[in-house]
Amino acid sequence: MNFVSCVSWVKKGAAKSLPDKIKLNDDELKEIVQEATSNLDDEDDESGEENEVVNSSNNSANPTSDEFNFGDYDGESFQSNALSLGGLAVFETPRGEPEVRIVDEADSDEEDFEIKPEDNLIICGHVEDDQSTMDVYVYNEDEGYLYVHHDIILPTMPLCYEWLNHEPGDGSVTNLIAVGTMSPVIEVWDLDIVDSLEPSFRLGKKASKKKKIEGVGHKKSVLCMAWNKHLSHILASGSADKSIILWDLDNATPSTKYSYFGAEVQSIQWHPKQPHGLLTGSCDKTVRLFDCRTDSIFNEWNLPGEVEKVVWNHFEEYNFLASSDSGHVFYYDVRNKEPVWSLEAHSKEVTGLSLSCSCPGLLVTGSMDGKMAVWDMLTGEPEKIDEKDMGVGAIVALSTSPDSPFVVCVGGDKKDNNFTVWQMENSEAVRSRFSNRGLISLSEESMEAEEATEDMQNMDLARPGPSVEKKKKKKANK
C-alpha cells in the first residue's frame, strides 16, 4: 500500500523563508513517547465506544445559536522511524519537457531549506504500508522545481487538510495546517516549524472510559474541513459520525453542531463572499446549504448518488458544483431546485473537483478512473477541452493552485508514482482555449461583490437566477 490520500496548497509568501528547527532534549523526548503510548492505550480502551460532543460553555444551552455573530458581520477585510523522502524529483518544466533532478543532500541542504517568496508549499498526505506522513513539498512554477522540504510522521492516516493563517488568541497571521485523520481529534501543525513531534494544538478529545474522560468534538474520523476566511477564528469540520462542527479556534472548543445528515459528511465549503453560508455534501446523496446565523437548512438538493465534492463558483455568487460517485457533475443555482446542467464527466467516482483561481470557466475534474479532465464552463453546458491520464493510478486527491490559474496537483494510488504537478498550459488544447481569456483577481472581485451582493437570507428561490438567464440568452444568440 502506497498512495496519496489528500493534498492542500499554501499560498506564495505565507511561509517563513527560514523555518524554525526544534531540538528536544532526552527528557522532552521521553515525555512525548510516554504520552503517545498513553494515547494508544486509550484507543484500545475506546473500541466500540462513542464519544459525546461537548459544546463550549457559552453555547451549551443552544448549540446552534449565532455564537459567531454571523448576522453582525460587517464585511471586514479577509484576513516509528522517520520516513526519508526527497532526493529524486520528476517534474514537467514550463516547456513541457520531463526533467529529473537528483538532489545531493550534503551539498544542497542549506539552499533547499530556504523557502523563497515565489515558492508555493504543497501539503501531501502520504500513506505507505502502516506509516502515515505529512510531506511538505516546495514548488516553484517559474524555476521548475518540486521537492520534499520536510515531512512529519502522523499517528494515523490523514484524510483531509485545511490551511489556516489565524493565530489562536490574538488572530495574527501565521502558517498552520489542520489535519483530519482516522481519529476524531483534529491536529493543527505549524508549518514554519521543522522537526516538531507534536502539533501546536488539537481540536477535540477522545473519550476514555478507563480514565473517566468525557469526549469532546467528533465521535469518528474527520473527512473534510473548511476555514472561514471572513471570520478567521472559525473552522468547520465534517465527519463520518454524520455531523458538522463549527470550532472556535481562539478557544479550541466546539461551539455549534449540525446533525441533519443520514450518512458521512464528505465535503464542505464556505461561501466565498457570504461568511454565514456553508455548503455541504454527504453520502446520503444530498447537498445542503446552511445559513449559520440560524438553526435551519437554507436549501437542499438530492443527487442520484453519494456526494463526493461540493465547490462554490467564486465567479458566480449564487452557483455551485457537486460531484457524485456515479461519475456525474451537477451545476446548481441556489435559488432553484433543478440543476442548471449535469454531465457524465467520468466512468467512476469524481473525487477531484476544482475551479481555477482566476480564469473564469476553467473547471478541472479528477476520478478514480485515473483521468483528469479540463472543461470550459463559459460555453453553457461544459465543453471538454482536454483529458489526460495522470499516471498516478486512481485519483484520490486533486487541487488547483491558489496563485497560478493553470497549475494543478494530483495524488493517486500508484505505488511507484502517486503524486504529480501539471501545468495545464503545456496542453495545446488548453492553451489555445484559455490563454487569451481575461483573468480575474478574486480579492478585487470579492471586495466589489460585497457592496452589491444580495443577502443570502433574502434570496428568492422561486425566481430563476441571473446566471441561468444569462446562459439561456447566450444559447439563443448562437
Protein backbone atom coordinates (compact mmCIF):
# COMPACT_ATOMS: atom_id res chain seq x y z
CA MET A 1 0.00 0.00 0.00
CA ASN A 2 1.46 3.32 -1.10
CA PHE A 3 -0.80 6.24 -2.00
CA VAL A 4 -1.54 9.93 -1.53
CA SER A 5 -4.71 10.48 0.50
CA CYS A 6 -5.12 14.29 0.43
CA VAL A 7 -3.42 17.49 -0.75
CA SER A 8 -3.54 21.20 0.06
CA TRP A 9 -1.77 24.30 -1.26
CA VAL A 10 -0.13 27.11 0.72
CA LYS A 11 -0.12 30.50 -0.98
CA LYS A 12 3.10 32.16 -2.02
CA GLY A 13 4.65 34.32 0.70
CA ALA A 14 2.79 32.62 3.56
CA ALA A 15 5.73 30.53 4.81
CA LYS A 16 8.77 31.79 6.67
CA SER A 17 11.85 31.94 4.48
CA LEU A 18 13.82 30.01 7.11
CA PRO A 19 11.56 27.75 9.19
CA ASP A 20 12.47 27.15 12.82
CA LYS A 21 14.08 23.87 13.81
CA ILE A 22 13.09 22.12 17.01
CA LYS A 23 15.71 20.33 19.11
CA LEU A 24 14.43 18.26 22.02
CA ASN A 25 16.44 17.00 24.98
CA ASP A 26 16.16 13.45 26.33
CA ASP A 27 13.54 14.34 28.95
CA GLU A 28 11.28 16.02 26.40
CA LEU A 29 11.58 13.05 24.03
CA LYS A 30 10.75 10.67 26.86
CA GLU A 31 7.66 12.70 27.79
CA ILE A 32 6.39 12.64 24.20
CA VAL A 33 6.91 8.88 23.90
CA GLN A 34 5.04 8.31 27.17
CA GLU A 35 2.14 10.47 26.01
CA ALA A 36 1.96 8.62 22.69
CA THR A 37 1.93 5.29 24.50
CA SER A 38 -0.87 6.52 26.73
CA ASN A 39 -2.89 7.62 23.71
CA LEU A 40 -2.51 4.17 22.14
CA ASP A 41 -3.78 2.61 25.36
CA ASP A 42 -6.79 4.93 25.23
CA GLU A 43 -7.54 3.84 21.67
CA ASP A 44 -7.62 0.21 22.74
CA ASP A 45 -9.88 1.16 25.64
CA GLU A 46 -12.28 3.06 23.37
CA SER A 47 -13.02 0.23 20.94
CA GLY A 48 -16.69 0.45 20.03
CA GLU A 49 -17.32 3.32 22.42
CA GLU A 50 -18.95 6.52 21.19
CA ASN A 51 -17.86 9.97 22.28
CA GLU A 52 -20.31 12.71 23.11
CA VAL A 53 -19.95 16.19 21.61
CA VAL A 54 -19.41 18.74 24.36
CA ASN A 55 -20.28 22.29 23.39
CA SER A 56 -18.47 25.35 24.69
CA SER A 57 -19.89 26.77 27.91
CA ASN A 58 -21.28 29.93 26.35
CA ASN A 59 -23.30 27.87 23.86
CA SER A 60 -24.24 24.71 25.72
CA ALA A 61 -27.87 25.69 26.14
CA ASN A 62 -28.36 26.34 22.43
CA PRO A 63 -25.71 24.56 20.35
CA THR A 64 -26.97 26.06 17.10
CA SER A 65 -27.25 29.69 18.22
CA ASP A 66 -25.49 32.52 16.33
CA GLU A 67 -22.49 32.35 18.68
CA PHE A 68 -20.12 33.59 15.98
CA ASN A 69 -22.26 36.69 15.23
CA PHE A 70 -22.74 35.84 11.56
CA GLY A 71 -25.64 38.28 11.46
CA ASP A 72 -23.45 41.16 12.62
CA TYR A 73 -20.69 40.58 10.09
CA ASP A 74 -19.92 43.96 8.55
CA GLY A 75 -17.54 42.89 5.78
CA GLU A 76 -14.15 43.32 7.45
CA SER A 77 -11.16 42.50 5.26
CA PHE A 78 -10.21 38.87 4.62
CA GLN A 79 -7.92 38.17 6.51
CA SER A 80 8.21 4.62 14.36
CA ASN A 81 11.31 5.61 12.22
CA ALA A 82 11.21 8.72 10.23
CA LEU A 83 10.49 8.15 6.59
CA SER A 84 13.25 9.64 4.47
CA LEU A 85 11.80 11.24 1.33
CA GLY A 86 13.17 13.53 -1.36
CA GLY A 87 16.43 13.20 -3.25
CA LEU A 88 14.63 12.45 -6.51
CA ALA A 89 12.04 14.66 -8.19
CA VAL A 90 10.41 14.23 -11.59
CA PHE A 91 8.83 17.40 -12.91
CA GLU A 92 7.41 18.71 -16.15
CA THR A 93 9.03 22.04 -16.98
CA PRO A 94 7.13 25.04 -18.41
CA ARG A 95 8.36 23.94 -21.85
CA GLY A 96 6.70 20.55 -21.42
CA GLU A 97 9.96 18.63 -21.15
CA PRO A 98 10.25 15.99 -18.42
CA GLU A 99 13.13 16.73 -16.09
CA VAL A 100 14.65 14.53 -13.40
CA ARG A 101 16.73 16.11 -10.67
CA ILE A 102 18.77 14.12 -8.21
CA VAL A 103 19.48 16.26 -5.19
CA ASP A 104 22.80 15.88 -3.40
CA GLU A 105 21.57 16.43 0.15
CA ALA A 106 25.07 17.05 1.53
CA ASP A 107 25.66 19.93 -0.87
CA SER A 108 22.21 21.45 -1.15
CA ASP A 109 20.52 21.09 2.25
CA GLU A 110 21.11 24.72 3.17
CA GLU A 111 19.90 26.05 -0.18
CA ASP A 112 16.84 23.78 -0.25
CA PHE A 113 15.91 24.66 3.33
CA GLU A 114 15.19 28.27 2.39
CA ILE A 115 11.68 28.98 1.11
CA LYS A 116 11.55 31.80 -1.41
CA PRO A 117 8.68 34.33 -1.71
CA GLU A 118 7.92 32.85 -5.16
CA ASP A 119 7.57 29.32 -3.74
CA ASN A 120 4.33 27.52 -3.01
CA LEU A 121 4.10 24.79 -0.43
CA ILE A 122 2.04 21.70 -1.22
CA ILE A 123 0.96 19.62 1.77
CA CYS A 124 0.63 15.98 0.80
CA GLY A 125 -0.82 13.11 2.83
CA HIS A 126 1.33 10.05 2.16
CA VAL A 127 0.42 6.54 3.32
CA GLU A 128 2.92 3.72 2.89
CA ASP A 129 2.06 0.38 4.46
CA ASP A 130 1.39 1.12 8.15
CA GLN A 131 3.11 4.52 8.18
CA SER A 132 1.47 7.89 7.51
CA THR A 133 3.35 11.13 6.90
CA MET A 134 2.59 14.74 6.04
CA ASP A 135 5.02 15.63 3.24
CA VAL A 136 5.70 19.35 2.80
CA TYR A 137 6.73 19.99 -0.81
CA VAL A 138 8.30 23.17 -2.14
CA TYR A 139 7.09 24.04 -5.65
CA ASN A 140 8.25 26.88 -7.89
CA GLU A 141 6.42 27.30 -11.18
CA ASP A 142 8.92 29.65 -12.84
CA GLU A 143 12.13 27.81 -11.97
CA GLY A 144 10.64 24.36 -12.38
CA TYR A 145 11.48 22.56 -9.16
CA LEU A 146 9.48 20.34 -6.83
CA TYR A 147 10.96 18.58 -3.80
CA VAL A 148 10.08 17.48 -0.27
CA HIS A 149 11.24 20.16 2.15
CA HIS A 150 10.45 18.10 5.26
CA ASP A 151 7.94 15.52 6.46
CA ILE A 152 6.05 14.90 9.68
CA ILE A 153 5.04 11.48 10.97
CA LEU A 154 1.32 11.30 11.76
CA PRO A 155 -0.27 8.87 14.23
CA THR A 156 -2.89 7.72 11.73
CA MET A 157 -3.94 8.13 8.09
CA PRO A 158 -4.57 11.76 7.01
CA LEU A 159 -7.91 12.21 5.25
CA CYS A 160 -8.09 15.98 4.71
CA TYR A 161 -6.06 19.17 5.16
CA GLU A 162 -7.09 22.78 5.61
CA TRP A 163 -4.63 25.67 5.66
CA LEU A 164 -5.16 28.45 8.23
CA ASN A 165 -3.44 31.75 8.83
CA HIS A 166 -5.19 32.60 12.09
CA GLU A 167 -3.16 32.50 15.29
CA PRO A 168 -5.49 31.47 18.14
CA GLY A 169 -5.94 34.15 20.76
CA ASP A 170 -4.53 37.22 19.04
CA GLY A 171 -5.69 36.48 15.48
CA SER A 172 -2.30 37.36 13.97
CA VAL A 173 -1.23 35.92 10.63
CA THR A 174 0.52 32.57 10.83
CA ASN A 175 1.09 29.43 8.75
CA LEU A 176 -0.88 26.50 10.16
CA ILE A 177 -2.31 23.31 8.70
CA ALA A 178 -5.29 21.49 10.22
CA VAL A 179 -5.16 17.72 9.73
CA GLY A 180 -8.24 15.49 9.74
CA THR A 181 -7.45 11.80 10.18
CA MET A 182 -8.98 8.46 11.06
CA SER A 183 -9.01 9.81 14.60
CA PRO A 184 -11.90 12.06 15.74
CA VAL A 185 -9.34 14.61 17.01
CA ILE A 186 -8.12 17.34 14.62
CA GLU A 187 -4.42 18.19 14.88
CA VAL A 188 -3.15 21.67 13.95
CA TRP A 189 0.54 21.88 12.99
CA ASP A 190 2.76 24.92 12.49
CA LEU A 191 4.30 24.69 9.01
CA ASP A 192 7.01 27.17 9.97
CA ILE A 193 8.49 24.66 12.44
CA VAL A 194 10.58 21.73 11.23
CA ASP A 195 11.28 18.53 13.19
CA SER A 196 8.35 19.09 15.55
CA LEU A 197 6.99 15.89 17.11
CA GLU A 198 3.76 17.43 18.43
CA PRO A 199 1.07 19.63 16.85
CA SER A 200 0.63 23.21 18.02
CA PHE A 201 -2.79 22.32 19.40
CA ARG A 202 -5.66 19.87 18.99
CA LEU A 203 -9.38 20.29 18.43
CA GLY A 204 -11.38 17.72 20.33
CA LYS A 205 -10.60 14.99 22.81
CA LYS A 206 -11.11 11.25 22.77
CA ALA A 207 -13.29 9.74 25.44
CA SER A 208 -11.66 7.25 27.78
CA LYS A 209 -13.81 5.03 29.93
CA LYS A 210 -10.73 3.79 31.75
CA LYS A 211 -9.60 7.30 32.70
CA LYS A 212 -13.17 8.61 33.06
CA ILE A 213 -12.54 11.29 30.44
CA GLU A 214 -15.53 12.67 28.54
CA GLY A 215 -15.13 13.07 24.79
CA VAL A 216 -15.12 16.48 23.09
CA GLY A 217 -15.82 17.01 19.40
CA HIS A 218 -16.40 14.33 16.79
CA LYS A 219 -17.05 10.67 17.52
CA LYS A 220 -15.44 9.26 14.36
CA SER A 221 -12.90 10.17 11.69
CA VAL A 222 -12.77 13.69 10.22
CA LEU A 223 -13.38 13.59 6.45
CA CYS A 224 -13.42 17.27 5.45
CA MET A 225 -12.71 20.76 6.81
CA ALA A 226 -13.28 24.35 5.72
CA TRP A 227 -11.76 27.52 7.19
CA ASN A 228 -13.88 30.68 7.18
CA LYS A 229 -11.66 33.34 5.59
CA HIS A 230 -14.07 36.14 6.55
CA LEU A 231 -14.36 35.16 10.21
CA SER A 232 -10.93 33.67 10.65
CA HIS A 233 -11.47 32.15 14.11
CA ILE A 234 -13.99 29.64 12.68
CA LEU A 235 -13.14 26.20 11.31
CA ALA A 236 -15.86 23.80 10.15
CA SER A 237 -15.32 20.04 10.10
CA GLY A 238 -17.40 17.18 8.69
CA SER A 239 -17.17 13.65 9.97
CA ALA A 240 -18.05 10.00 9.50
CA ASP A 241 -20.22 10.47 12.60
CA LYS A 242 -22.81 12.21 10.33
CA SER A 243 -22.28 15.68 11.77
CA ILE A 244 -20.61 19.04 11.18
CA ILE A 245 -18.98 21.02 13.98
CA LEU A 246 -18.03 24.70 13.95
CA TRP A 247 -14.88 25.20 16.03
CA ASP A 248 -13.82 28.38 17.80
CA LEU A 249 -10.09 28.41 17.10
CA ASP A 250 -9.41 31.07 19.74
CA ASN A 251 -10.63 28.72 22.46
CA ALA A 252 -10.01 25.41 20.66
CA THR A 253 -13.57 24.39 21.51
CA PRO A 254 -16.60 23.15 19.54
CA SER A 255 -19.42 25.64 19.51
CA THR A 256 -22.09 24.60 17.04
CA LYS A 257 -23.10 21.15 15.83
CA TYR A 258 -25.29 20.23 12.84
CA SER A 259 -26.66 16.67 12.79
CA TYR A 260 -29.08 16.74 9.85
CA PHE A 261 -27.23 14.06 7.90
CA GLY A 262 -28.16 10.46 7.19
CA ALA A 263 -24.60 9.39 6.38
CA GLU A 264 -20.98 10.57 6.39
CA VAL A 265 -20.23 14.20 5.52
CA GLN A 266 -17.59 14.11 2.76
CA SER A 267 -17.23 17.72 1.59
CA ILE A 268 -17.87 21.22 2.93
CA GLN A 269 -17.05 24.74 1.75
CA TRP A 270 -17.83 28.25 2.99
CA HIS A 271 -19.35 30.72 0.55
CA PRO A 272 -16.56 32.92 -0.88
CA LYS A 273 -18.44 36.17 -0.12
CA GLN A 274 -21.15 35.34 2.45
CA PRO A 275 -19.46 34.37 5.75
CA HIS A 276 -22.54 32.54 7.05
CA GLY A 277 -23.19 30.26 4.03
CA LEU A 278 -21.86 26.71 4.45
CA LEU A 279 -22.27 24.22 1.59
CA THR A 280 -22.15 20.52 2.47
CA GLY A 281 -22.12 17.20 0.62
CA SER A 282 -22.96 13.86 2.22
CA CYS A 283 -23.02 10.16 1.44
CA ASP A 284 -26.80 10.33 1.97
CA LYS A 285 -26.93 11.70 -1.63
CA THR A 286 -27.84 15.21 -0.52
CA VAL A 287 -26.25 18.65 -0.85
CA ARG A 288 -27.32 21.04 1.92
CA LEU A 289 -26.78 24.77 2.31
CA PHE A 290 -26.75 26.12 5.87
CA ASP A 291 -27.24 29.69 7.00
CA CYS A 292 -25.07 29.54 10.10
CA ARG A 293 -26.85 32.50 11.71
CA THR A 294 -29.85 30.24 12.23
CA ASP A 295 -30.77 26.71 13.26
CA SER A 296 -32.11 25.77 9.84
CA ILE A 297 -31.13 24.40 6.45
CA PHE A 298 -31.39 27.14 3.83
CA ASN A 299 -31.91 24.69 0.98
CA GLU A 300 -31.09 21.14 -0.07
CA TRP A 301 -30.71 19.18 -3.31
CA ASN A 302 -30.95 15.42 -3.89
CA LEU A 303 -28.42 13.78 -6.21
CA PRO A 304 -28.57 10.31 -7.84
CA GLY A 305 -25.51 9.12 -5.94
CA GLU A 306 -23.27 9.80 -2.96
CA VAL A 307 -21.87 13.33 -2.98
CA GLU A 308 -18.08 13.31 -3.37
CA LYS A 309 -17.25 17.03 -3.62
CA VAL A 310 -19.01 20.41 -3.42
CA VAL A 311 -17.44 23.63 -4.73
CA TRP A 312 -18.75 27.19 -4.90
CA ASN A 313 -18.26 29.04 -8.17
CA HIS A 314 -16.26 32.01 -6.89
CA PHE A 315 -17.10 33.93 -10.08
CA GLU A 316 -20.89 33.46 -9.74
CA GLU A 317 -22.08 34.05 -6.17
CA TYR A 318 -25.33 32.03 -6.46
CA ASN A 319 -23.86 28.94 -8.12
CA PHE A 320 -22.09 25.77 -7.01
CA LEU A 321 -20.89 22.44 -8.38
CA ALA A 322 -21.33 18.97 -6.90
CA SER A 323 -19.83 15.66 -8.00
CA SER A 324 -21.06 12.15 -7.27
CA ASP A 325 -19.82 8.58 -7.06
CA SER A 326 -21.66 7.85 -10.32
CA GLY A 327 -19.14 9.95 -12.27
CA HIS A 328 -21.51 12.90 -12.77
CA VAL A 329 -21.04 16.62 -12.10
CA PHE A 330 -24.01 18.90 -11.41
CA TYR A 331 -24.23 22.70 -11.55
CA TYR A 332 -26.86 24.47 -9.43
CA ASP A 333 -28.22 27.91 -8.74
CA VAL A 334 -29.11 28.09 -5.02
CA ARG A 335 -32.49 29.66 -5.86
CA ASN A 336 -33.61 26.68 -7.94
CA LYS A 337 -34.16 23.02 -7.15
CA GLU A 338 -33.23 21.64 -10.57
CA PRO A 339 -29.65 21.77 -11.83
CA VAL A 340 -28.63 24.29 -14.48
CA TRP A 341 -26.83 21.40 -16.16
CA SER A 342 -25.40 17.98 -15.46
CA LEU A 343 -22.78 15.93 -17.24
CA GLU A 344 -21.27 12.48 -17.13
CA ALA A 345 -17.68 13.56 -16.55
CA HIS A 346 -16.06 10.20 -15.77
CA SER A 347 -16.75 6.48 -15.65
CA LYS A 348 -16.07 6.28 -11.91
CA GLU A 349 -16.31 8.49 -8.81
CA VAL A 350 -15.41 12.14 -9.36
CA THR A 351 -13.04 12.55 -6.41
CA GLY A 352 -11.48 15.79 -7.65
CA LEU A 353 -13.43 18.95 -8.46
CA SER A 354 -11.72 22.32 -8.65
CA LEU A 355 -12.09 25.72 -10.31
CA SER A 356 -9.19 27.87 -11.47
CA CYS A 357 -8.27 30.65 -9.05
CA SER A 358 -8.52 33.41 -11.67
CA CYS A 359 -9.54 32.00 -15.08
CA PRO A 360 -13.35 32.10 -15.36
CA GLY A 361 -14.90 28.90 -16.67
CA LEU A 362 -11.83 26.69 -16.22
CA LEU A 363 -13.02 23.55 -14.41
CA VAL A 364 -10.85 20.54 -13.56
CA THR A 365 -12.20 17.12 -12.60
CA GLY A 366 -10.36 14.01 -11.48
CA SER A 367 -11.63 10.48 -10.99
CA MET A 368 -10.90 7.02 -9.69
CA ASP A 369 -10.67 6.07 -13.35
CA GLY A 370 -7.21 7.71 -13.27
CA LYS A 371 -8.07 10.52 -15.67
CA MET A 372 -8.17 14.27 -15.22
CA ALA A 373 -10.39 16.34 -17.50
CA VAL A 374 -10.28 20.07 -18.28
CA TRP A 375 -13.62 21.75 -19.06
CA ASP A 376 -14.81 25.16 -20.24
CA MET A 377 -17.98 26.22 -18.38
CA LEU A 378 -18.47 29.56 -20.13
CA THR A 379 -19.95 27.89 -23.21
CA GLY A 380 -23.21 27.00 -21.42
CA GLU A 381 -23.05 23.29 -20.77
CA PRO A 382 -19.38 22.36 -20.17
CA GLU A 383 -17.19 21.54 -23.14
CA LYS A 384 -14.35 19.07 -22.60
CA ILE A 385 -11.12 20.74 -23.70
CA ASP A 386 -8.65 18.00 -22.81
CA GLU A 387 -8.37 14.74 -20.92
CA LYS A 388 -5.18 13.28 -19.51
CA ASP A 389 -4.20 10.06 -17.81
CA MET A 390 -2.14 11.47 -14.94
CA GLY A 391 -0.14 8.27 -14.44
CA VAL A 392 -0.75 8.22 -10.68
CA GLY A 393 -3.31 5.41 -10.65
CA ALA A 394 -6.79 6.11 -9.32
CA ILE A 395 -7.01 9.82 -8.49
CA VAL A 396 -7.69 10.24 -4.78
CA ALA A 397 -6.97 13.97 -4.37
CA LEU A 398 -6.77 16.97 -6.68
CA SER A 399 -6.37 20.71 -6.13
CA THR A 400 -5.62 23.75 -8.29
CA SER A 401 -3.08 26.36 -7.23
CA PRO A 402 -4.36 29.43 -5.32
CA ASP A 403 -1.81 31.61 -7.17
CA SER A 404 -1.50 30.20 -10.69
CA PRO A 405 -4.61 29.71 -12.86
CA PHE A 406 -3.25 26.76 -14.86
CA VAL A 407 -1.44 24.65 -12.24
CA VAL A 408 -2.94 21.57 -10.57
CA CYS A 409 -1.53 18.93 -8.22
CA VAL A 410 -2.83 15.36 -8.21
CA GLY A 411 -2.42 12.43 -5.80
CA GLY A 412 -3.22 8.80 -6.54
CA ASP A 413 -2.68 5.18 -5.53
CA LYS A 414 0.09 4.06 -7.90
CA LYS A 415 2.89 2.73 -5.73
CA ASP A 416 5.86 3.99 -7.74
CA ASN A 417 4.35 7.33 -8.82
CA ASN A 418 1.49 8.66 -6.72
CA PHE A 419 1.96 12.45 -6.85
CA THR A 420 2.47 14.97 -9.64
CA VAL A 421 2.05 18.65 -10.53
CA TRP A 422 0.82 19.53 -14.00
CA GLN A 423 0.97 22.87 -15.76
CA MET A 424 -2.14 22.76 -17.90
CA GLU A 425 -0.78 25.32 -20.36
CA ASN A 426 1.53 22.56 -21.63
CA SER A 427 -1.59 21.17 -23.30
CA GLU A 428 -2.03 22.79 -26.70
CA ALA A 429 -5.82 22.43 -26.43
CA VAL A 430 -5.92 24.16 -23.03
CA ARG A 431 -3.51 26.87 -24.14
CA SER A 432 -5.45 27.73 -27.28
CA ARG A 433 -8.78 27.86 -25.42
CA PHE A 434 -7.80 29.82 -22.30
CA SER A 435 -4.58 31.75 -23.00
CA ASN A 436 -6.42 34.84 -24.25
CA ARG A 437 -9.17 34.74 -21.63
CA GLY A 438 -9.09 37.66 -19.21
CA LEU A 439 -8.04 36.71 -15.68
CA ILE A 440 -9.91 37.98 -12.63
CA SER A 441 -8.29 38.76 -9.31
CA LEU A 442 -10.52 37.09 -6.73
CA SER A 443 -9.53 39.54 -3.99
CA GLU A 444 -10.64 42.52 -6.10
CA GLU A 445 -13.76 40.71 -7.32
CA SER A 446 -14.73 39.79 -3.76
CA MET A 447 -14.45 43.34 -2.46
CA GLU A 448 -16.58 44.69 -5.30
CA ALA A 449 -19.20 41.99 -4.82
CA GLU A 450 -19.50 42.61 -1.08
CA GLU A 451 -21.03 46.03 -1.76
CA ALA A 452 -23.51 44.78 -4.37
CA THR A 453 -24.38 41.26 -3.25
CA GLU A 454 -27.86 40.45 -2.00
CA ASP A 455 -28.10 38.92 1.47
CA MET A 456 -28.41 35.12 1.20
CA GLN A 457 -31.22 35.09 3.75
CA ASN A 458 -33.44 37.10 1.38
CA MET A 459 -32.81 35.13 -1.81
CA ASP A 460 -35.93 34.38 -3.84
CA LEU A 461 -35.77 30.65 -4.51
CA ALA A 462 -38.71 30.77 -6.91
CA ARG A 463 -37.05 33.22 -9.30
CA PRO A 464 -34.57 31.90 -11.91
CA GLY A 465 -31.08 33.18 -11.15
CA PRO A 466 -29.43 35.79 -13.35
CA SER A 467 -26.66 33.35 -14.26
CA VAL A 468 -29.26 30.92 -15.66
CA GLU A 469 -30.93 33.65 -17.68
CA LYS A 470 -27.54 34.78 -18.98
CA LYS A 471 -26.74 31.27 -20.22
CA LYS A 472 -30.15 30.99 -21.94
CA LYS A 473 -29.50 34.28 -23.76
CA LYS A 474 -26.08 33.07 -24.87
CA LYS A 475 -27.62 29.90 -26.33
CA ALA A 476 -30.35 31.89 -28.07
CA ASN A 477 -27.77 34.19 -29.67
CA LYS A 478 -25.78 31.32 -31.15
